[in-house]
């Protein structure tokens, strides 16, 4: 006895569901393109004081050789640039003095202390070379 030929039955509900999913994916792609391609679970954190301080600290750490250059995979030290960013952080501290919450003040004080100490250590090592 021969097996009957298999047929694929496609109902209208399945077609409507597939069409809706396709439209949803297209809409997500459009939204992603309009937002600069930043789609996915990682979202940009809200703009706040801690974010600003952390952005400046990241620039300082990079300038002081704390991160690898993504293209060359080498670490570069630019003391002048590091000092510039430390000075910017100091300006921010001076301009916000008296207007910060206790947590924000602690963050600023700790950040300034850490980057200044890091700068001094790296500058001393550079002077010995």
N, C-alpha and C. Protein backbone atom coordinates (compact mmCIF):
# COMPACT_ATOMS: atom_id res chain seq x y z
N UNK A 1 0.83 -1.17 0.00
CA UNK A 1 0.00 0.00 0.00
C UNK A 1 0.88 1.24 0.00
N UNK A 2 0.68 2.10 -0.93
CA UNK A 2 1.50 3.30 -1.07
C UNK A 2 1.02 4.36 -0.09
N UNK A 3 2.02 5.10 0.39
CA UNK A 3 1.71 6.18 1.34
C UNK A 3 1.08 7.34 0.59
N UNK A 4 0.02 7.92 1.13
CA UNK A 4 -0.60 9.05 0.43
C UNK A 4 0.36 10.25 0.42
N UNK A 5 0.26 11.05 -0.60
CA UNK A 5 1.11 12.24 -0.74
C UNK A 5 0.78 13.23 0.38
N UNK A 6 1.86 13.72 1.03
CA UNK A 6 1.65 14.66 2.13
C UNK A 6 1.39 16.04 1.55
N UNK A 7 0.45 16.73 2.17
CA UNK A 7 0.09 18.08 1.73
C UNK A 7 0.25 19.03 2.90
N UNK A 8 0.72 20.19 2.59
CA UNK A 8 0.83 21.23 3.61
C UNK A 8 -0.44 22.06 3.54
N UNK A 9 -1.10 22.16 4.66
CA UNK A 9 -2.33 22.93 4.71
C UNK A 9 -2.02 24.24 5.45
N UNK A 10 -2.25 25.32 4.78
CA UNK A 10 -1.99 26.63 5.35
C UNK A 10 -3.33 27.33 5.51
N UNK A 11 -3.67 27.62 6.75
CA UNK A 11 -4.94 28.31 6.96
C UNK A 11 -4.71 29.82 7.03
N UNK A 12 -5.76 30.56 6.94
CA UNK A 12 -5.67 32.02 6.92
C UNK A 12 -5.16 32.59 8.25
N UNK A 13 -5.48 31.93 9.37
CA UNK A 13 -5.00 32.41 10.66
C UNK A 13 -3.47 32.39 10.72
N UNK A 14 -2.88 31.32 10.20
CA UNK A 14 -1.43 31.21 10.21
C UNK A 14 -0.81 32.31 9.36
N UNK A 15 -1.40 32.57 8.20
CA UNK A 15 -0.90 33.63 7.32
C UNK A 15 -0.98 34.99 8.01
N UNK A 16 -2.07 35.26 8.68
CA UNK A 16 -2.25 36.54 9.38
C UNK A 16 -1.22 36.68 10.50
N UNK A 17 -0.99 35.60 11.23
CA UNK A 17 -0.01 35.63 12.32
C UNK A 17 1.40 35.88 11.76
N UNK A 18 1.77 35.20 10.68
CA UNK A 18 3.08 35.37 10.07
C UNK A 18 3.26 36.80 9.57
N UNK A 19 2.21 37.35 8.96
CA UNK A 19 2.26 38.71 8.45
C UNK A 19 2.45 39.71 9.60
N UNK A 20 1.72 39.48 10.71
CA UNK A 20 1.82 40.37 11.86
C UNK A 20 3.23 40.32 12.47
N UNK A 21 3.81 39.14 12.56
CA UNK A 21 5.17 39.01 13.09
C UNK A 21 6.18 39.69 12.18
N UNK A 22 6.00 39.55 10.87
CA UNK A 22 6.89 40.19 9.91
C UNK A 22 6.82 41.72 10.03
N UNK A 23 5.61 42.25 10.17
CA UNK A 23 5.44 43.69 10.33
C UNK A 23 6.07 44.19 11.64
N UNK A 24 5.91 43.40 12.69
CA UNK A 24 6.48 43.76 13.99
C UNK A 24 8.01 43.82 13.90
N UNK A 25 8.63 42.84 13.26
CA UNK A 25 10.08 42.83 13.09
C UNK A 25 10.55 44.01 12.25
N UNK A 26 9.81 44.33 11.20
CA UNK A 26 10.17 45.47 10.35
C UNK A 26 10.09 46.78 11.15
N UNK A 27 9.06 46.89 11.98
CA UNK A 27 8.90 48.08 12.82
C UNK A 27 10.05 48.20 13.82
N UNK A 28 10.46 47.08 14.42
CA UNK A 28 11.58 47.09 15.35
C UNK A 28 12.87 47.49 14.65
N UNK A 29 13.07 47.04 13.43
CA UNK A 29 14.26 47.39 12.67
C UNK A 29 14.26 48.88 12.37
N UNK A 30 13.11 49.45 12.00
CA UNK A 30 13.00 50.88 11.74
C UNK A 30 13.33 51.68 12.99
N UNK A 31 12.79 51.26 14.12
CA UNK A 31 13.04 51.94 15.39
C UNK A 31 14.51 51.87 15.73
N UNK A 32 15.13 50.74 15.50
CA UNK A 32 16.55 50.56 15.79
C UNK A 32 17.40 51.49 14.93
N UNK A 33 17.07 51.60 13.65
CA UNK A 33 17.82 52.47 12.76
C UNK A 33 17.67 53.94 13.17
N UNK A 34 16.47 54.34 13.56
CA UNK A 34 16.22 55.73 13.95
C UNK A 34 16.93 56.08 15.26
N UNK A 35 17.13 55.10 16.13
CA UNK A 35 17.78 55.38 17.41
C UNK A 35 19.28 55.13 17.34
N UNK A 36 19.83 55.02 16.15
CA UNK A 36 21.27 54.84 16.01
C UNK A 36 21.71 53.40 16.14
N UNK A 37 20.82 52.47 15.99
CA UNK A 37 21.18 51.06 16.04
C UNK A 37 21.28 50.50 17.44
N UNK A 38 20.82 51.23 18.42
CA UNK A 38 20.94 50.77 19.81
C UNK A 38 19.73 49.96 20.22
N UNK A 39 19.51 48.87 19.53
CA UNK A 39 18.39 48.01 19.88
C UNK A 39 18.89 46.89 20.77
N UNK A 40 17.99 46.28 21.47
CA UNK A 40 18.37 45.15 22.29
C UNK A 40 18.19 45.44 23.75
N UNK A 41 18.65 44.50 24.58
CA UNK A 41 18.43 44.62 26.02
C UNK A 41 19.23 45.74 26.67
N UNK A 42 20.34 46.16 26.06
CA UNK A 42 21.15 47.21 26.64
C UNK A 42 20.56 48.57 26.28
N UNK A 43 20.14 49.28 27.29
CA UNK A 43 19.59 50.60 27.05
C UNK A 43 20.52 51.64 27.64
N UNK A 44 20.44 52.82 27.12
CA UNK A 44 21.26 53.91 27.63
C UNK A 44 20.72 54.31 28.98
N UNK A 45 21.60 54.41 29.98
CA UNK A 45 21.11 54.78 31.32
C UNK A 45 20.64 56.24 31.32
N UNK A 46 19.86 56.60 32.29
CA UNK A 46 19.38 57.99 32.35
C UNK A 46 20.54 58.95 32.58
N UNK A 47 20.38 60.15 32.08
CA UNK A 47 21.40 61.18 32.29
C UNK A 47 21.28 61.68 33.72
N UNK A 48 22.35 61.52 34.48
CA UNK A 48 22.35 61.99 35.85
C UNK A 48 23.77 62.40 36.25
N UNK A 49 23.92 62.90 37.45
CA UNK A 49 25.20 63.39 37.92
C UNK A 49 26.24 62.27 37.97
N UNK A 50 25.85 61.11 38.48
CA UNK A 50 26.77 59.98 38.56
C UNK A 50 27.26 59.57 37.18
N UNK A 51 26.39 59.60 36.20
CA UNK A 51 26.78 59.27 34.84
C UNK A 51 27.79 60.25 34.28
N UNK A 52 27.60 61.52 34.58
CA UNK A 52 28.54 62.55 34.13
C UNK A 52 29.91 62.35 34.77
N UNK A 53 29.93 62.13 36.07
CA UNK A 53 31.19 61.90 36.78
C UNK A 53 31.87 60.64 36.22
N UNK A 54 31.11 59.58 36.06
CA UNK A 54 31.69 58.33 35.55
C UNK A 54 32.21 58.48 34.13
N UNK A 55 31.57 59.28 33.30
CA UNK A 55 32.06 59.51 31.94
C UNK A 55 33.41 60.23 31.98
N UNK A 56 33.53 61.23 32.83
CA UNK A 56 34.80 61.93 32.95
C UNK A 56 35.89 61.01 33.51
N UNK A 57 35.54 60.22 34.51
CA UNK A 57 36.51 59.28 35.09
C UNK A 57 36.96 58.27 34.03
N UNK A 58 36.06 57.80 33.20
CA UNK A 58 36.43 56.85 32.14
C UNK A 58 37.43 57.48 31.18
N UNK A 59 37.22 58.73 30.84
CA UNK A 59 38.17 59.42 29.97
C UNK A 59 39.53 59.57 30.64
N UNK A 60 39.53 59.85 31.93
CA UNK A 60 40.79 59.98 32.67
C UNK A 60 41.52 58.64 32.69
N UNK A 61 40.80 57.59 33.03
CA UNK A 61 41.41 56.26 33.09
C UNK A 61 41.98 55.87 31.73
N UNK A 62 41.26 56.16 30.66
CA UNK A 62 41.75 55.86 29.32
C UNK A 62 43.02 56.64 29.03
N UNK A 63 43.04 57.93 29.35
CA UNK A 63 44.21 58.77 29.09
C UNK A 63 45.42 58.32 29.90
N UNK A 64 45.18 57.70 31.04
CA UNK A 64 46.28 57.26 31.90
C UNK A 64 46.64 55.79 31.66
N UNK A 65 46.19 55.24 30.54
CA UNK A 65 46.59 53.89 30.17
C UNK A 65 45.78 52.79 30.80
N UNK A 66 44.63 53.10 31.32
CA UNK A 66 43.81 52.11 32.00
C UNK A 66 43.05 51.18 31.08
N UNK A 67 42.91 51.54 29.80
CA UNK A 67 42.19 50.71 28.84
C UNK A 67 43.06 50.49 27.62
N UNK A 68 42.84 49.36 26.98
CA UNK A 68 43.50 49.09 25.71
C UNK A 68 42.82 49.88 24.60
N UNK A 69 43.60 50.35 23.65
CA UNK A 69 43.03 50.93 22.44
C UNK A 69 42.39 49.78 21.67
N UNK A 70 41.10 49.89 21.32
CA UNK A 70 40.42 48.77 20.67
C UNK A 70 41.00 48.41 19.30
N UNK A 71 41.66 49.34 18.64
CA UNK A 71 42.21 49.06 17.32
C UNK A 71 43.62 48.48 17.39
N UNK A 72 44.46 49.02 18.26
CA UNK A 72 45.86 48.57 18.32
C UNK A 72 46.11 47.56 19.42
N UNK A 73 45.18 47.44 20.36
CA UNK A 73 45.32 46.55 21.52
C UNK A 73 46.52 46.92 22.38
N UNK A 74 46.86 48.20 22.37
CA UNK A 74 47.94 48.71 23.21
C UNK A 74 47.36 49.74 24.17
N UNK A 75 48.08 49.98 25.24
CA UNK A 75 47.68 51.00 26.21
C UNK A 75 48.58 52.22 26.00
N UNK A 76 47.96 53.37 25.95
CA UNK A 76 48.71 54.61 25.77
C UNK A 76 48.52 55.49 26.99
N UNK A 77 49.57 56.21 27.35
CA UNK A 77 49.49 57.15 28.46
C UNK A 77 49.70 58.54 27.89
N UNK A 78 48.74 59.41 28.16
CA UNK A 78 48.82 60.82 27.77
C UNK A 78 48.57 61.64 29.03
N UNK A 79 49.65 61.95 29.73
CA UNK A 79 49.51 62.66 31.01
C UNK A 79 48.84 64.02 30.85
N UNK A 80 49.15 64.70 29.76
CA UNK A 80 48.55 66.01 29.53
C UNK A 80 47.03 65.90 29.37
N UNK A 81 46.58 64.93 28.61
CA UNK A 81 45.14 64.73 28.44
C UNK A 81 44.49 64.27 29.73
N UNK A 82 45.17 63.38 30.45
CA UNK A 82 44.65 62.94 31.74
C UNK A 82 44.48 64.10 32.70
N UNK A 83 45.48 64.98 32.75
CA UNK A 83 45.39 66.16 33.63
C UNK A 83 44.25 67.07 33.18
N UNK A 84 44.07 67.20 31.89
CA UNK A 84 42.96 68.03 31.38
C UNK A 84 41.61 67.52 31.89
N UNK A 85 41.40 66.22 31.79
CA UNK A 85 40.13 65.65 32.26
C UNK A 85 39.99 65.75 33.78
N UNK A 86 41.10 65.61 34.50
CA UNK A 86 41.05 65.79 35.95
C UNK A 86 40.67 67.23 36.27
N UNK A 87 41.23 68.17 35.53
CA UNK A 87 40.88 69.58 35.73
C UNK A 87 39.40 69.83 35.43
N UNK A 88 38.87 69.18 34.39
CA UNK A 88 37.43 69.31 34.09
C UNK A 88 36.58 68.78 35.24
N UNK A 89 37.00 67.65 35.80
CA UNK A 89 36.28 67.08 36.94
C UNK A 89 36.36 68.02 38.14
N UNK A 90 37.51 68.68 38.31
CA UNK A 90 37.67 69.65 39.40
C UNK A 90 36.78 70.87 39.20
N UNK A 91 36.63 71.30 37.96
CA UNK A 91 35.74 72.42 37.65
C UNK A 91 34.30 72.03 37.99
N UNK A 92 33.92 70.83 37.61
CA UNK A 92 32.57 70.35 37.93
C UNK A 92 32.35 70.32 39.44
N UNK A 93 33.36 69.88 40.17
CA UNK A 93 33.26 69.82 41.63
C UNK A 93 33.08 71.23 42.21
N UNK A 94 33.87 72.18 41.70
CA UNK A 94 33.79 73.55 42.20
C UNK A 94 32.44 74.19 41.88
N UNK A 95 31.95 73.96 40.68
CA UNK A 95 30.70 74.59 40.24
C UNK A 95 29.46 73.98 40.90
N UNK A 96 29.59 72.75 41.38
CA UNK A 96 28.43 72.11 42.01
C UNK A 96 28.52 72.10 43.54
N UNK A 97 29.59 72.65 44.07
CA UNK A 97 29.79 72.65 45.53
C UNK A 97 28.59 73.28 46.22
N UNK A 98 28.07 72.60 47.22
CA UNK A 98 26.92 73.08 47.97
C UNK A 98 25.59 72.70 47.36
N UNK A 99 25.61 72.11 46.17
CA UNK A 99 24.36 71.74 45.49
C UNK A 99 24.21 70.24 45.28
N UNK A 100 25.09 69.46 45.89
CA UNK A 100 25.05 68.01 45.70
C UNK A 100 24.42 67.32 46.89
N UNK A 101 23.80 66.19 46.61
CA UNK A 101 23.32 65.35 47.72
C UNK A 101 24.54 64.73 48.39
N UNK A 102 24.33 64.13 49.53
CA UNK A 102 25.45 63.51 50.25
C UNK A 102 26.10 62.41 49.42
N UNK A 103 25.30 61.60 48.75
CA UNK A 103 25.83 60.53 47.90
C UNK A 103 26.62 61.09 46.72
N UNK A 104 26.10 62.15 46.10
CA UNK A 104 26.80 62.76 44.98
C UNK A 104 28.13 63.36 45.43
N UNK A 105 28.14 63.98 46.60
CA UNK A 105 29.38 64.56 47.13
C UNK A 105 30.41 63.46 47.40
N UNK A 106 29.96 62.36 47.99
CA UNK A 106 30.87 61.23 48.24
C UNK A 106 31.44 60.69 46.94
N UNK A 107 30.58 60.57 45.94
CA UNK A 107 31.02 60.09 44.63
C UNK A 107 32.09 61.01 44.05
N UNK A 108 31.82 62.31 44.08
CA UNK A 108 32.76 63.29 43.53
C UNK A 108 34.09 63.25 44.29
N UNK A 109 34.02 63.25 45.61
CA UNK A 109 35.24 63.23 46.42
C UNK A 109 36.07 61.98 46.15
N UNK A 110 35.41 60.84 46.10
CA UNK A 110 36.11 59.57 45.85
C UNK A 110 36.72 59.55 44.45
N UNK A 111 35.96 60.03 43.47
CA UNK A 111 36.45 60.04 42.09
C UNK A 111 37.68 60.93 41.95
N UNK A 112 37.60 62.14 42.51
CA UNK A 112 38.74 63.05 42.43
C UNK A 112 39.96 62.48 43.14
N UNK A 113 39.76 61.92 44.31
CA UNK A 113 40.88 61.35 45.05
C UNK A 113 41.53 60.22 44.24
N UNK A 114 40.73 59.31 43.72
CA UNK A 114 41.26 58.16 42.99
C UNK A 114 42.01 58.57 41.73
N UNK A 115 41.43 59.45 40.93
CA UNK A 115 42.10 59.81 39.67
C UNK A 115 43.35 60.66 39.93
N UNK A 116 43.32 61.49 40.97
CA UNK A 116 44.52 62.27 41.29
C UNK A 116 45.65 61.35 41.75
N UNK A 117 45.34 60.37 42.58
CA UNK A 117 46.37 59.43 43.04
C UNK A 117 46.91 58.60 41.87
N UNK A 118 46.03 58.19 41.00
CA UNK A 118 46.46 57.43 39.82
C UNK A 118 47.37 58.29 38.95
N UNK A 119 47.01 59.54 38.76
CA UNK A 119 47.81 60.45 37.95
C UNK A 119 49.21 60.61 38.56
N UNK A 120 49.28 60.84 39.88
CA UNK A 120 50.58 61.02 40.54
C UNK A 120 51.45 59.77 40.37
N UNK A 121 50.87 58.59 40.58
CA UNK A 121 51.64 57.36 40.44
C UNK A 121 52.18 57.17 39.03
N UNK A 122 51.36 57.41 38.04
CA UNK A 122 51.79 57.23 36.64
C UNK A 122 52.80 58.30 36.25
N UNK A 123 52.60 59.53 36.71
CA UNK A 123 53.55 60.60 36.41
C UNK A 123 54.92 60.29 37.03
N UNK A 124 54.92 59.75 38.24
CA UNK A 124 56.19 59.38 38.88
C UNK A 124 56.89 58.26 38.10
N UNK A 125 56.14 57.26 37.67
CA UNK A 125 56.74 56.18 36.88
C UNK A 125 57.28 56.70 35.56
N UNK A 126 56.55 57.61 34.95
CA UNK A 126 56.98 58.18 33.66
C UNK A 126 58.25 59.00 33.84
N UNK A 127 58.41 59.66 34.97
CA UNK A 127 59.59 60.48 35.24
C UNK A 127 60.84 59.60 35.43
N UNK A 128 60.64 58.38 35.88
CA UNK A 128 61.75 57.47 36.13
C UNK A 128 62.29 56.83 34.84
N UNK A 129 61.51 56.89 33.80
CA UNK A 129 61.93 56.25 32.53
C UNK A 129 62.93 57.09 31.80
